[in-house]
Amino acid sequence: MEEREYSNVYAIPANYTDSGKLLGGMLEVRNTIEAGLLVALVGCPELMWLHTSGAMKIVVMTVTLLPLGVAALMGIAGDSLLQYFGHIVRYWTSRRKLHFKRIGYRYESANTKRPPQKGLPKRPPEKRKETPRRVRSGFHPHKRD
């Protein structure tokens, strides 16, 4: 009997990952909505509050809104801008400070005494001799002779 070889290799269509995206799979729906809202929120005040000619408004809006819209459409690290800023906020609110103990270092507590230091013997503290006050030469109006 002749054994047939079965192939388990299947062709994956090119538009497999296009579901749930816009413009033939190029833009995600969430990123597109966020980019539109962000451009509208920044563009309306620029359009209303800039007191310049129409050509200058177009230049200013092109320089500011075009990069903002492209960055919002692309997203950051595979996430939309709001997701990315949510990660940043979550990190800042829940971060921990880790303290590592050094190896070979003796930590002091209130109950432990310091070990005596080796080296020179400890001398008793010397008593300070009071030095007489010296008055600088010159005119001192508050002092009478």
Protein backbone atom coordinates (compact mmCIF):
# COMPACT_ATOMS: atom_id res chain seq x y z
CA MET A 1 0.00 0.00 0.00
CA GLU A 2 1.07 3.42 -0.75
CA GLU A 3 1.28 5.93 2.10
CA ARG A 4 0.30 9.47 1.33
CA GLU A 5 2.20 12.34 2.82
CA TYR A 6 0.03 14.88 4.51
CA SER A 7 1.20 18.44 4.69
CA ASN A 8 0.29 20.41 7.82
CA VAL A 9 1.50 23.67 6.32
CA TYR A 10 -1.26 26.12 5.57
CA ALA A 11 -1.01 29.42 3.76
CA ILE A 12 -1.94 32.38 5.98
CA PRO A 13 -3.69 35.10 4.01
CA ALA A 14 -2.08 38.54 3.90
CA ASN A 15 -5.11 40.25 5.44
CA TYR A 16 -5.23 37.93 8.49
CA THR A 17 -4.29 40.68 10.95
CA ASP A 18 -6.39 43.36 9.27
CA SER A 19 -9.52 42.67 11.28
CA GLY A 20 -10.46 45.51 13.60
CA LYS A 21 -8.24 48.03 11.81
CA LEU A 22 -8.79 50.88 9.38
CA LEU A 23 -7.36 51.65 5.93
CA GLY A 24 -6.47 48.08 5.06
CA GLY A 25 -4.97 47.21 8.44
CA MET A 26 -2.71 50.23 8.73
CA LEU A 27 -4.41 52.03 11.63
CA GLU A 28 -5.96 50.73 14.81
CA VAL A 29 -9.39 52.08 15.66
CA ARG A 30 -8.41 53.18 19.17
CA ASN A 31 -5.33 55.07 17.94
CA THR A 32 -7.37 56.76 15.21
CA ILE A 33 -10.06 57.95 17.63
CA GLU A 34 -7.46 59.20 20.12
CA ALA A 35 -5.53 61.02 17.35
CA GLY A 36 -8.70 62.70 16.09
CA LEU A 37 -9.70 63.87 19.57
CA LEU A 38 -6.18 65.06 20.37
CA VAL A 39 -5.84 67.02 17.12
CA ALA A 40 -9.30 68.57 17.66
CA LEU A 41 -8.51 69.52 21.28
CA VAL A 42 -5.23 71.18 20.34
CA GLY A 43 -6.30 72.53 16.94
CA CYS A 44 -9.47 74.39 17.95
CA PRO A 45 -7.74 76.72 20.44
CA GLU A 46 -4.95 77.33 17.92
CA LEU A 47 -7.49 78.21 15.26
CA MET A 48 -9.56 80.51 17.49
CA TRP A 49 -6.88 82.21 19.60
CA LEU A 50 -4.12 82.84 17.07
CA HIS A 51 -4.49 86.39 15.77
CA THR A 52 -2.42 86.01 12.63
CA SER A 53 -3.13 85.72 8.94
CA GLY A 54 -4.64 82.57 7.46
CA ALA A 55 -1.36 81.45 5.89
CA MET A 56 0.47 81.81 9.20
CA LYS A 57 -2.24 79.79 11.00
CA ILE A 58 -1.82 77.02 8.45
CA VAL A 59 1.95 76.95 8.99
CA VAL A 60 1.64 76.90 12.80
CA MET A 61 -1.02 74.20 12.75
CA THR A 62 1.01 72.10 10.31
CA VAL A 63 4.10 72.31 12.50
CA THR A 64 2.23 71.44 15.70
CA LEU A 65 -0.71 69.23 14.74
CA LEU A 66 0.85 67.03 12.07
CA PRO A 67 3.57 65.50 14.30
CA LEU A 68 1.07 65.21 17.16
CA GLY A 69 -1.43 63.37 14.97
CA VAL A 70 1.18 61.04 13.48
CA ALA A 71 2.55 60.19 16.93
CA ALA A 72 -0.97 59.49 18.19
CA LEU A 73 -1.76 57.28 15.17
CA MET A 74 1.44 55.25 15.56
CA GLY A 75 1.29 54.94 19.33
CA ILE A 76 4.22 54.17 21.59
CA ALA A 77 5.61 50.64 22.02
CA GLY A 78 2.50 49.08 20.51
CA ASP A 79 0.10 50.93 22.83
CA SER A 80 -2.04 53.96 22.23
CA LEU A 81 -1.01 57.23 23.85
CA LEU A 82 -3.57 56.96 26.66
CA GLN A 83 -2.50 53.40 27.43
CA TYR A 84 1.14 54.46 27.50
CA PHE A 85 0.48 57.41 29.81
CA GLY A 86 -1.61 55.10 31.99
CA HIS A 87 1.42 52.82 32.33
CA ILE A 88 3.55 55.81 33.33
CA VAL A 89 1.04 56.98 35.95
CA ARG A 90 0.64 53.46 37.32
CA TYR A 91 4.42 53.12 37.60
CA TRP A 92 4.81 56.43 39.45
CA THR A 93 2.02 55.64 41.90
CA SER A 94 3.04 52.07 42.70
CA ARG A 95 6.81 52.15 42.53
CA ARG A 96 8.86 50.84 45.43
CA LYS A 97 12.22 51.81 46.72
CA LEU A 98 14.40 48.80 47.26
CA HIS A 99 17.19 48.92 49.80
CA PHE A 100 19.86 46.27 49.69
CA LYS A 101 22.12 45.57 52.64
CA ARG A 102 25.80 45.76 51.94
CA ILE A 103 27.75 42.58 52.45
CA GLY A 104 30.27 42.76 55.27
CA TYR A 105 28.91 46.00 56.71
CA ARG A 106 27.80 46.03 60.35
CA TYR A 107 24.63 48.02 60.81
CA GLU A 108 24.16 49.77 64.14
CA SER A 109 20.98 49.80 66.13
CA ALA A 110 20.02 51.60 69.32
CA ASN A 111 20.66 48.46 71.41
CA THR A 112 24.13 47.65 70.12
CA LYS A 113 27.32 49.36 71.15
CA ARG A 114 30.05 50.31 68.81
CA PRO A 115 33.02 47.98 68.93
CA PRO A 116 36.19 49.68 70.19
CA GLN A 117 38.34 51.02 67.42
CA LYS A 118 41.82 49.60 67.15
CA GLY A 119 44.71 51.94 66.88
CA LEU A 120 45.60 54.83 69.14
CA PRO A 121 44.39 54.64 72.76
CA LYS A 122 41.57 56.98 73.68
CA ARG A 123 42.69 60.06 75.63
CA PRO A 124 40.47 61.81 78.13
CA PRO A 125 39.06 65.04 76.77
CA GLU A 126 41.10 68.10 77.70
CA LYS A 127 39.50 70.93 79.59
CA ARG A 128 39.28 74.11 77.64
CA LYS A 129 41.13 77.01 79.06
CA GLU A 130 39.24 80.24 78.94
CA THR A 131 41.07 82.80 76.93
CA PRO A 132 40.70 86.46 77.89
CA ARG A 133 38.58 88.54 75.58
CA ARG A 134 40.59 90.71 73.33
CA VAL A 135 39.42 94.07 72.23
CA ARG A 136 40.45 95.13 68.82
CA SER A 137 42.16 98.43 68.55
CA GLY A 138 40.11 101.25 67.17
CA PHE A 139 37.25 103.49 68.15
CA HIS A 140 34.66 101.86 70.46
CA PRO A 141 31.95 104.42 71.26
CA HIS A 142 30.19 102.27 73.87
CA LYS A 143 33.30 101.84 76.04
CA ARG A 144 34.53 104.67 78.24
CA ASP A 145 38.04 105.00 79.65
